[in-house]
PDB file of N, CA and C in Angstrom:
ATOM      1  N   MET A   1     -14.318  -4.884 -11.985  1.00  0.00           N
ATOM      2  CA  MET A   1     -13.085  -4.204 -12.077  1.00  0.00           C
ATOM      3  C   MET A   1     -12.623  -3.517 -10.713  1.00  0.00           C
ATOM      4  N   HIS A   2     -11.573  -3.446 -10.341  1.00  0.00           N
ATOM      5  CA  HIS A   2     -11.003  -2.907  -9.170  1.00  0.00           C
ATOM      6  C   HIS A   2     -10.718  -1.473  -9.219  1.00  0.00           C
ATOM      7  N   GLY A   3     -11.102  -0.844  -7.986  1.00  0.00           N
ATOM      8  CA  GLY A   3     -11.092   0.619  -8.022  1.00  0.00           C
ATOM      9  C   GLY A   3      -9.788   1.377  -8.110  1.00  0.00           C
ATOM     10  N   TYR A   4      -8.635   0.523  -8.247  1.00  0.00           N
ATOM     11  CA  TYR A   4      -7.303   1.182  -8.652  1.00  0.00           C
ATOM     12  C   TYR A   4      -6.922   1.226 -10.077  1.00  0.00           C
ATOM     13  N   ILE A   5      -7.902   0.624 -10.935  1.00  0.00           N
ATOM     14  CA  ILE A   5      -7.452   0.355 -12.388  1.00  0.00           C
ATOM     15  C   ILE A   5      -7.030   1.724 -12.945  1.00  0.00           C
ATOM     16  N   GLN A   6      -7.734   2.806 -12.801  1.00  0.00           N
ATOM     17  CA  GLN A   6      -7.369   3.937 -13.402  1.00  0.00           C
ATOM     18  C   GLN A   6      -6.088   4.554 -12.968  1.00  0.00           C
ATOM     19  N   ASP A   7      -5.574   4.176 -11.780  1.00  0.00           N
ATOM     20  CA  ASP A   7      -4.329   4.430 -11.170  1.00  0.00           C
ATOM     21  C   ASP A   7      -3.303   3.381 -11.187  1.00  0.00           C
ATOM     22  N   LYS A   8      -3.694   2.236 -12.037  1.00  0.00           N
ATOM     23  CA  LYS A   8      -2.661   1.122 -11.994  1.00  0.00           C
ATOM     24  C   LYS A   8      -1.275   1.706 -12.303  1.00  0.00           C
ATOM     25  N   ASP A   9      -1.231   2.325 -13.359  1.00  0.00           N
ATOM     26  CA  ASP A   9       0.272   2.589 -13.833  1.00  0.00           C
ATOM     27  C   ASP A   9       1.066   3.375 -12.836  1.00  0.00           C
ATOM     28  N   ASP A  10       0.447   4.444 -12.082  1.00  0.00           N
ATOM     29  CA  ASP A  10       1.130   5.158 -10.950  1.00  0.00           C
ATOM     30  C   ASP A  10       1.430   4.079 -10.042  1.00  0.00           C
ATOM     31  N   TYR A  11       0.516   3.067  -9.585  1.00  0.00           N
ATOM     32  CA  TYR A  11       0.936   2.198  -8.333  1.00  0.00           C
ATOM     33  C   TYR A  11       1.929   1.508  -8.892  1.00  0.00           C
ATOM     34  N   LEU A  12       2.157   1.016 -10.288  1.00  0.00           N
ATOM     35  CA  LEU A  12       3.110   0.159 -10.753  1.00  0.00           C
ATOM     36  C   LEU A  12       4.549   0.986 -10.565  1.00  0.00           C
ATOM     37  N   LYS A  13       4.484   2.065 -10.948  1.00  0.00           N
ATOM     38  CA  LYS A  13       5.595   3.136 -11.123  1.00  0.00           C
ATOM     39  C   LYS A  13       6.099   3.201  -9.658  1.00  0.00           C
ATOM     40  N   ARG A  14       5.173   3.386  -8.812  1.00  0.00           N
ATOM     41  CA  ARG A  14       5.774   3.629  -7.169  1.00  0.00           C
ATOM     42  C   ARG A  14       6.309   2.195  -6.672  1.00  0.00           C
ATOM     43  N   LEU A  15       5.582   1.131  -7.111  1.00  0.00           N
ATOM     44  CA  LEU A  15       6.270  -0.197  -6.566  1.00  0.00           C
ATOM     45  C   LEU A  15       7.422  -0.609  -7.286  1.00  0.00           C
ATOM     46  N   ARG A  16       7.741  -0.139  -8.479  1.00  0.00           N
ATOM     47  CA  ARG A  16       8.946  -0.300  -9.043  1.00  0.00           C
ATOM     48  C   ARG A  16      10.081   0.355  -8.509  1.00  0.00           C
ATOM     49  N   ARG A  17       9.751   1.607  -8.061  1.00  0.00           N
ATOM     50  CA  ARG A  17      10.725   2.481  -7.315  1.00  0.00           C
ATOM     51  C   ARG A  17      11.036   2.007  -5.955  1.00  0.00           C
ATOM     52  N   VAL A  18      10.146   1.287  -5.417  1.00  0.00           N
ATOM     53  CA  VAL A  18      10.373   0.717  -4.176  1.00  0.00           C
ATOM     54  C   VAL A  18      11.258  -0.567  -4.231  1.00  0.00           C
ATOM     55  N   GLU A  19      10.897  -1.264  -5.293  1.00  0.00           N
ATOM     56  CA  GLU A  19      11.654  -2.431  -5.558  1.00  0.00           C
ATOM     57  C   GLU A  19      13.129  -2.127  -5.479  1.00  0.00           C
ATOM     58  N   GLY A  20      13.272  -0.895  -6.536  1.00  0.00           N
ATOM     59  CA  GLY A  20      14.611  -0.504  -6.686  1.00  0.00           C
ATOM     60  C   GLY A  20      15.441  -0.151  -5.443  1.00  0.00           C
ATOM     61  N   GLN A  21      14.575   0.679  -4.351  1.00  0.00           N
ATOM     62  CA  GLN A  21      15.143   0.925  -3.190  1.00  0.00           C
ATOM     63  C   GLN A  21      15.541  -0.315  -2.251  1.00  0.00           C
ATOM     64  N   VAL A  22      14.688  -1.239  -2.255  1.00  0.00           N
ATOM     65  CA  VAL A  22      15.001  -2.340  -1.594  1.00  0.00           C
ATOM     66  C   VAL A  22      16.125  -3.033  -2.104  1.00  0.00           C
ATOM     67  N   ARG A  23      16.350  -3.159  -3.527  1.00  0.00           N
ATOM     68  CA  ARG A  23      17.603  -3.592  -3.873  1.00  0.00           C
ATOM     69  C   ARG A  23      18.712  -2.665  -3.438  1.00  0.00           C
ATOM     70  N   GLY A  24      18.654  -1.570  -3.305  1.00  0.00           N
ATOM     71  CA  GLY A  24      19.641  -0.689  -2.892  1.00  0.00           C
ATOM     72  C   GLY A  24      19.960  -0.805  -1.341  1.00  0.00           C
ATOM     73  N   ILE A  25      18.959  -1.174  -0.710  1.00  0.00           N
ATOM     74  CA  ILE A  25      19.277  -1.422   0.751  1.00  0.00           C
ATOM     75  C   ILE A  25      19.903  -2.720   0.786  1.00  0.00           C
ATOM     76  N   ALA A  26      19.699  -3.695  -0.020  1.00  0.00           N
ATOM     77  CA  ALA A  26      20.501  -5.042   0.037  1.00  0.00           C
ATOM     78  C   ALA A  26      21.837  -4.882  -0.307  1.00  0.00           C
ATOM     79  N   ARG A  27      22.176  -4.083  -1.340  1.00  0.00           N
ATOM     80  CA  ARG A  27      23.614  -3.553  -1.556  1.00  0.00           C
ATOM     81  C   ARG A  27      24.264  -2.728  -0.435  1.00  0.00           C
ATOM     82  N   MET A  28      23.490  -1.975   0.174  1.00  0.00           N
ATOM     83  CA  MET A  28      24.023  -1.458   1.419  1.00  0.00           C
ATOM     84  C   MET A  28      24.599  -2.419   2.486  1.00  0.00           C
ATOM     85  N   VAL A  29      23.481  -3.420   2.764  1.00  0.00           N
ATOM     86  CA  VAL A  29      24.121  -4.182   3.736  1.00  0.00           C
ATOM     87  C   VAL A  29      25.330  -5.166   3.048  1.00  0.00           C
ATOM     88  N   GLU A  30      25.163  -5.707   2.007  1.00  0.00           N
ATOM     89  CA  GLU A  30      26.417  -6.208   1.458  1.00  0.00           C
ATOM     90  C   GLU A  30      27.559  -5.471   1.608  1.00  0.00           C
ATOM     91  N   ASP A  31      27.527  -4.056   1.264  1.00  0.00           N
ATOM     92  CA  ASP A  31      28.700  -3.318   1.281  1.00  0.00           C
ATOM     93  C   ASP A  31      29.180  -2.758   2.723  1.00  0.00           C
ATOM     94  N   GLU A  32      28.144  -3.473   3.607  1.00  0.00           N
ATOM     95  CA  GLU A  32      28.428  -3.181   5.339  1.00  0.00           C
ATOM     96  C   GLU A  32      28.246  -1.575   5.384  1.00  0.00           C
ATOM     97  N   THR A  33      27.492  -0.890   4.835  1.00  0.00           N
ATOM     98  CA  THR A  33      27.160   0.414   5.108  1.00  0.00           C
ATOM     99  C   THR A  33      26.805   0.651   6.438  1.00  0.00           C
ATOM    100  N   TYR A  34      26.966   1.909   7.140  1.00  0.00           N
ATOM    101  CA  TYR A  34      26.778   2.284   8.452  1.00  0.00           C
ATOM    102  C   TYR A  34      25.445   1.866   8.714  1.00  0.00           C
ATOM    103  N   CYS A  35      24.947   1.374   9.793  1.00  0.00           N
ATOM    104  CA  CYS A  35      23.559   0.833  10.085  1.00  0.00           C
ATOM    105  C   CYS A  35      22.774   1.993   9.919  1.00  0.00           C
ATOM    106  N   ILE A  36      22.876   3.194  10.456  1.00  0.00           N
ATOM    107  CA  ILE A  36      22.041   4.151  10.653  1.00  0.00           C
ATOM    108  C   ILE A  36      21.526   4.759   9.299  1.00  0.00           C
ATOM    109  N   ASP A  37      22.578   4.607   8.230  1.00  0.00           N
ATOM    110  CA  ASP A  37      22.216   4.985   6.987  1.00  0.00           C
ATOM    111  C   ASP A  37      21.142   3.794   6.233  1.00  0.00           C
ATOM    112  N   VAL A  38      21.564   2.562   6.579  1.00  0.00           N
ATOM    113  CA  VAL A  38      20.571   1.638   6.191  1.00  0.00           C
ATOM    114  C   VAL A  38      19.102   1.674   6.858  1.00  0.00           C
ATOM    115  N   LEU A  39      19.020   1.982   8.095  1.00  0.00           N
ATOM    116  CA  LEU A  39      17.653   2.228   8.693  1.00  0.00           C
ATOM    117  C   LEU A  39      17.040   3.297   8.153  1.00  0.00           C
ATOM    118  N   THR A  40      17.785   4.386   7.673  1.00  0.00           N
ATOM    119  CA  THR A  40      17.139   5.543   6.987  1.00  0.00           C
ATOM    120  C   THR A  40      16.538   4.972   5.726  1.00  0.00           C
ATOM    121  N   GLN A  41      17.005   4.376   4.861  1.00  0.00           N
ATOM    122  CA  GLN A  41      16.633   3.703   3.785  1.00  0.00           C
ATOM    123  C   GLN A  41      15.284   2.936   3.904  1.00  0.00           C
ATOM    124  N   ILE A  42      15.557   2.063   4.877  1.00  0.00           N
ATOM    125  CA  ILE A  42      14.167   1.279   5.220  1.00  0.00           C
ATOM    126  C   ILE A  42      13.146   1.938   5.641  1.00  0.00           C
ATOM    127  N   ALA A  43      13.404   3.166   6.401  1.00  0.00           N
ATOM    128  CA  ALA A  43      12.331   4.068   6.850  1.00  0.00           C
ATOM    129  C   ALA A  43      11.596   4.583   5.663  1.00  0.00           C
ATOM    130  N   ALA A  44      12.486   5.065   4.637  1.00  0.00           N
ATOM    131  CA  ALA A  44      11.974   5.469   3.338  1.00  0.00           C
ATOM    132  C   ALA A  44      11.179   4.469   2.596  1.00  0.00           C
ATOM    133  N   VAL A  45      11.554   3.223   2.526  1.00  0.00           N
ATOM    134  CA  VAL A  45      10.867   2.270   1.708  1.00  0.00           C
ATOM    135  C   VAL A  45       9.527   2.248   2.474  1.00  0.00           C
ATOM    136  N   THR A  46       9.725   2.036   3.829  1.00  0.00           N
ATOM    137  CA  THR A  46       8.233   1.771   4.691  1.00  0.00           C
ATOM    138  C   THR A  46       7.509   2.974   4.293  1.00  0.00           C
ATOM    139  N   LYS A  47       7.862   4.105   4.430  1.00  0.00           N
ATOM    140  CA  LYS A  47       6.949   5.520   3.928  1.00  0.00           C
ATOM    141  C   LYS A  47       6.256   5.260   2.540  1.00  0.00           C
ATOM    142  N   ALA A  48       7.056   4.775   1.553  1.00  0.00           N
ATOM    143  CA  ALA A  48       6.768   4.643   0.278  1.00  0.00           C
ATOM    144  C   ALA A  48       5.428   3.670   0.195  1.00  0.00           C
ATOM    145  N   LEU A  49       5.842   2.432   0.839  1.00  0.00           N
ATOM    146  CA  LEU A  49       4.866   1.425   0.800  1.00  0.00           C
ATOM    147  C   LEU A  49       3.471   1.888   1.527  1.00  0.00           C
ATOM    148  N   GLN A  50       3.587   2.610   2.612  1.00  0.00           N
ATOM    149  CA  GLN A  50       2.367   3.140   3.420  1.00  0.00           C
ATOM    150  C   GLN A  50       1.655   4.217   2.357  1.00  0.00           C
ATOM    151  N   ALA A  51       2.352   4.851   1.534  1.00  0.00           N
ATOM    152  CA  ALA A  51       1.643   5.632   0.510  1.00  0.00           C
ATOM    153  C   ALA A  51       0.801   4.908  -0.262  1.00  0.00           C
ATOM    154  N   VAL A  52       1.397   3.883  -0.930  1.00  0.00           N
ATOM    155  CA  VAL A  52       0.887   2.851  -1.834  1.00  0.00           C
ATOM    156  C   VAL A  52      -0.705   2.316  -1.039  1.00  0.00           C
ATOM    157  N   SER A  53      -0.292   1.843  -0.007  1.00  0.00           N
ATOM    158  CA  SER A  53      -1.348   1.501   0.889  1.00  0.00           C
ATOM    159  C   SER A  53      -2.451   2.437   1.053  1.00  0.00           C
ATOM    160  N   ILE A  54      -2.154   3.625   1.295  1.00  0.00           N
ATOM    161  CA  ILE A  54      -3.322   4.622   1.713  1.00  0.00           C
ATOM    162  C   ILE A  54      -3.985   4.801   0.533  1.00  0.00           C
ATOM    163  N   GLY A  55      -3.437   4.857  -0.605  1.00  0.00           N
ATOM    164  CA  GLY A  55      -4.012   5.392  -2.021  1.00  0.00           C
ATOM    165  C   GLY A  55      -4.756   3.964  -2.443  1.00  0.00           C
ATOM    166  N   LEU A  56      -4.402   2.915  -2.204  1.00  0.00           N
ATOM    167  CA  LEU A  56      -5.262   1.542  -2.382  1.00  0.00           C
ATOM    168  C   LEU A  56      -6.558   1.629  -1.587  1.00  0.00           C
ATOM    169  N   VAL A  57      -6.366   2.027  -0.354  1.00  0.00           N
ATOM    170  CA  VAL A  57      -7.443   2.060   0.815  1.00  0.00           C
ATOM    171  C   VAL A  57      -8.532   2.902   0.202  1.00  0.00           C
ATOM    172  N   GLU A  58      -7.897   4.055  -0.216  1.00  0.00           N
ATOM    173  CA  GLU A  58      -8.831   5.154  -0.745  1.00  0.00           C
ATOM    174  C   GLU A  58      -9.524   4.766  -1.967  1.00  0.00           C
ATOM    175  N   ASP A  59      -8.936   4.181  -2.884  1.00  0.00           N
ATOM    176  CA  ASP A  59      -9.612   3.780  -4.102  1.00  0.00           C
ATOM    177  C   ASP A  59     -10.509   2.570  -3.771  1.00  0.00           C
ATOM    178  N   HIS A  60     -10.303   1.766  -2.691  1.00  0.00           N
ATOM    179  CA  HIS A  60     -11.419   0.605  -2.343  1.00  0.00           C
ATOM    180  C   HIS A  60     -12.428   1.185  -1.840  1.00  0.00           C
ATOM    181  N   LEU A  61     -12.257   2.114  -0.872  1.00  0.00           N
ATOM    182  CA  LEU A  61     -13.370   2.963  -0.152  1.00  0.00           C
ATOM    183  C   LEU A  61     -14.187   3.760  -1.328  1.00  0.00           C
ATOM    184  N   GLY A  62     -13.692   4.327  -2.283  1.00  0.00           N
ATOM    185  CA  GLY A  62     -14.373   5.236  -2.982  1.00  0.00           C
ATOM    186  C   GLY A  62     -14.996   4.231  -4.237  1.00  0.00           C
ATOM    187  N   HIS A  63     -14.499   3.214  -4.646  1.00  0.00           N
ATOM    188  CA  HIS A  63     -15.148   2.382  -5.598  1.00  0.00           C
ATOM    189  C   HIS A  63     -15.704   1.156  -5.007  1.00  0.00           C
ATOM    190  N   CYS A  64     -15.057   0.229  -4.567  1.00  0.00           N
ATOM    191  CA  CYS A  64     -15.511  -1.023  -4.289  1.00  0.00           C
ATOM    192  C   CYS A  64     -16.539  -0.747  -3.062  1.00  0.00           C
ATOM    193  N   VAL A  65     -16.331  -0.110  -1.938  1.00  0.00           N
ATOM    194  CA  VAL A  65     -17.315   0.089  -0.945  1.00  0.00           C
ATOM    195  C   VAL A  65     -18.546   0.870  -1.390  1.00  0.00           C
ATOM    196  N   VAL A  66     -18.346   1.703  -2.147  1.00  0.00           N
ATOM    197  CA  VAL A  66     -19.404   2.546  -2.535  1.00  0.00           C
ATOM    198  C   VAL A  66     -20.440   1.803  -3.558  1.00  0.00           C
ATOM    199  N   ASN A  67     -19.866   1.021  -4.403  1.00  0.00           N
ATOM    200  CA  ASN A  67     -20.440   0.372  -5.492  1.00  0.00           C
ATOM    201  C   ASN A  67     -21.280  -0.781  -4.826  1.00  0.00           C
ATOM    202  N   ALA A  68     -20.560  -1.521  -3.545  1.00  0.00           N
ATOM    203  CA  ALA A  68     -21.274  -2.559  -2.869  1.00  0.00           C
ATOM    204  C   ALA A  68     -22.465  -2.020  -2.166  1.00  0.00           C
ATOM    205  N   ALA A  69     -22.318  -0.814  -1.672  1.00  0.00           N
ATOM    206  CA  ALA A  69     -23.276  -0.037  -0.666  1.00  0.00           C
ATOM    207  C   ALA A  69     -24.573   0.206  -1.774  1.00  0.00           C
ATOM    208  N   ARG A  70     -24.364   0.574  -3.102  1.00  0.00           N
ATOM    209  CA  ARG A  70     -25.150   0.790  -3.927  1.00  0.00           C
ATOM    210  C   ARG A  70     -26.185  -0.467  -4.252  1.00  0.00           C
ATOM    211  N   GLU A  71     -25.447  -1.619  -4.301  1.00  0.00           N
ATOM    212  CA  GLU A  71     -25.985  -2.835  -4.584  1.00  0.00           C
ATOM    213  C   GLU A  71     -26.909  -3.388  -3.515  1.00  0.00           C
ATOM    214  N   SER A  72     -26.408  -3.323  -2.213  1.00  0.00           N
ATOM    215  CA  SER A  72     -27.455  -3.507  -1.024  1.00  0.00           C
ATOM    216  C   SER A  72     -26.834  -3.066   0.156  1.00  0.00           C
ATOM    217  N   PRO A  73     -27.470  -3.090   1.361  1.00  0.00           N
ATOM    218  CA  PRO A  73     -26.851  -2.758   2.630  1.00  0.00           C
ATOM    219  C   PRO A  73     -26.035  -3.709   3.065  1.00  0.00           C
ATOM    220  N   GLU A  74     -26.335  -5.060   2.772  1.00  0.00           N
ATOM    221  CA  GLU A  74     -25.849  -6.033   3.212  1.00  0.00           C
ATOM    222  C   GLU A  74     -24.359  -5.985   2.522  1.00  0.00           C
ATOM    223  N   ALA A  75     -24.394  -6.028   1.249  1.00  0.00           N
ATOM    224  CA  ALA A  75     -23.085  -6.034   0.402  1.00  0.00           C
ATOM    225  C   ALA A  75     -22.078  -4.723   0.879  1.00  0.00           C
ATOM    226  N   GLY A  76     -22.918  -3.796   1.122  1.00  0.00           N
ATOM    227  CA  GLY A  76     -22.014  -2.732   1.518  1.00  0.00           C
ATOM    228  C   GLY A  76     -21.500  -2.493   2.860  1.00  0.00           C
ATOM    229  N   ALA A  77     -22.322  -3.336   3.796  1.00  0.00           N
ATOM    230  CA  ALA A  77     -21.605  -3.687   5.329  1.00  0.00           C
ATOM    231  C   ALA A  77     -20.402  -4.757   5.141  1.00  0.00           C
ATOM    232  N   ALA A  78     -20.620  -5.445   4.218  1.00  0.00           N
ATOM    233  CA  ALA A  78     -19.533  -6.671   4.092  1.00  0.00           C
ATOM    234  C   ALA A  78     -18.225  -6.014   3.528  1.00  0.00           C
ATOM    235  N   LYS A  79     -18.166  -5.120   2.576  1.00  0.00           N
ATOM    236  CA  LYS A  79     -17.113  -4.179   1.934  1.00  0.00           C
ATOM    237  C   LYS A  79     -16.443  -3.367   3.171  1.00  0.00           C
ATOM    238  N   VAL A  80     -17.519  -2.882   3.899  1.00  0.00           N
ATOM    239  CA  VAL A  80     -16.999  -2.071   5.089  1.00  0.00           C
ATOM    240  C   VAL A  80     -16.045  -2.966   6.007  1.00  0.00           C
ATOM    241  N   ARG A  81     -16.612  -4.121   6.444  1.00  0.00           N
ATOM    242  CA  ARG A  81     -15.964  -4.686   7.369  1.00  0.00           C
ATOM    243  C   ARG A  81     -14.666  -5.403   6.837  1.00  0.00           C
ATOM    244  N   GLU A  82     -14.653  -5.722   5.340  1.00  0.00           N
ATOM    245  CA  GLU A  82     -13.323  -6.242   4.766  1.00  0.00           C
ATOM    246  C   GLU A  82     -12.354  -4.931   4.688  1.00  0.00           C
ATOM    247  N   ALA A  83     -12.825  -3.658   4.603  1.00  0.00           N
ATOM    248  CA  ALA A  83     -12.069  -2.563   4.550  1.00  0.00           C
ATOM    249  C   ALA A  83     -11.385  -2.224   5.748  1.00  0.00           C
ATOM    250  N   SER A  84     -12.174  -2.574   6.887  1.00  0.00           N
ATOM    251  CA  SER A  84     -11.751  -2.471   8.222  1.00  0.00           C
ATOM    252  C   SER A  84     -10.790  -3.337   8.847  1.00  0.00           C
ATOM    253  N   GLU A  85     -10.797  -4.647   8.122  1.00  0.00           N
ATOM    254  CA  GLU A  85      -9.821  -5.584   8.640  1.00  0.00           C
ATOM    255  C   GLU A  85      -8.547  -5.411   7.858  1.00  0.00           C
ATOM    256  N   ALA A  86      -8.483  -5.005   6.707  1.00  0.00           N
ATOM    257  CA  ALA A  86      -7.288  -4.665   5.862  1.00  0.00           C
ATOM    258  C   ALA A  86      -6.720  -3.431   6.396  1.00  0.00           C
ATOM    259  N   ILE A  87      -7.443  -2.343   7.071  1.00  0.00           N
ATOM    260  CA  ILE A  87      -6.843  -1.337   7.657  1.00  0.00           C
ATOM    261  C   ILE A  87      -6.209  -1.654   8.921  1.00  0.00           C
ATOM    262  N   ALA A  88      -7.047  -2.581   9.705  1.00  0.00           N
ATOM    263  CA  ALA A  88      -6.474  -3.062  11.083  1.00  0.00           C
ATOM    264  C   ALA A  88      -5.155  -3.851  10.604  1.00  0.00           C
ATOM    265  N   ARG A  89      -5.116  -4.712   9.707  1.00  0.00           N
ATOM    266  CA  ARG A  89      -3.751  -5.356   9.458  1.00  0.00           C
ATOM    267  C   ARG A  89      -2.671  -4.338   8.961  1.00  0.00           C
ATOM    268  N   LEU A  90      -2.811  -3.198   8.288  1.00  0.00           N
ATOM    269  CA  LEU A  90      -2.011  -2.168   8.110  1.00  0.00           C
ATOM    270  C   LEU A  90      -1.497  -1.422   9.181  1.00  0.00           C
ATOM    271  N   VAL A  91      -2.374  -1.213   9.997  1.00  0.00           N
ATOM    272  CA  VAL A  91      -1.997  -0.383  11.191  1.00  0.00           C
ATOM    273  C   VAL A  91      -1.181  -1.270  12.137  1.00  0.00           C
ATOM    274  N   ARG A  92      -1.359  -2.721  12.158  1.00  0.00           N
ATOM    275  CA  ARG A  92      -0.480  -3.527  13.207  1.00  0.00           C
ATOM    276  C   ARG A  92       0.736  -3.774  12.532  1.00  0.00           C
ATOM    277  N   SER A  93       0.949  -3.585  11.202  1.00  0.00           N
ATOM    278  CA  SER A  93       2.398  -3.821  10.528  1.00  0.00           C
ATOM    279  C   SER A  93       3.101  -2.898  10.750  1.00  0.00           C
TER     280      SER A  93
END
């Protein structure tokens, strides 16, 4: 079981909200809305996705990494490495 299962509905609600925001941004571009207004909305979507990402990282560390570490030092180290790589991808994006 994944660490985010207990928060799945919250994540889905947030992601649906982001999806709506992205559709709104597409409409803004179609309507040739002032570029700064479009960029402001893009920043809001980016922040919302970052909040989802942070929540998933916290859930992963608190559930998957902790459970793997209880399993064995090697499994724990592998999950920490996996989390570190995921965090590095998030930071680069």
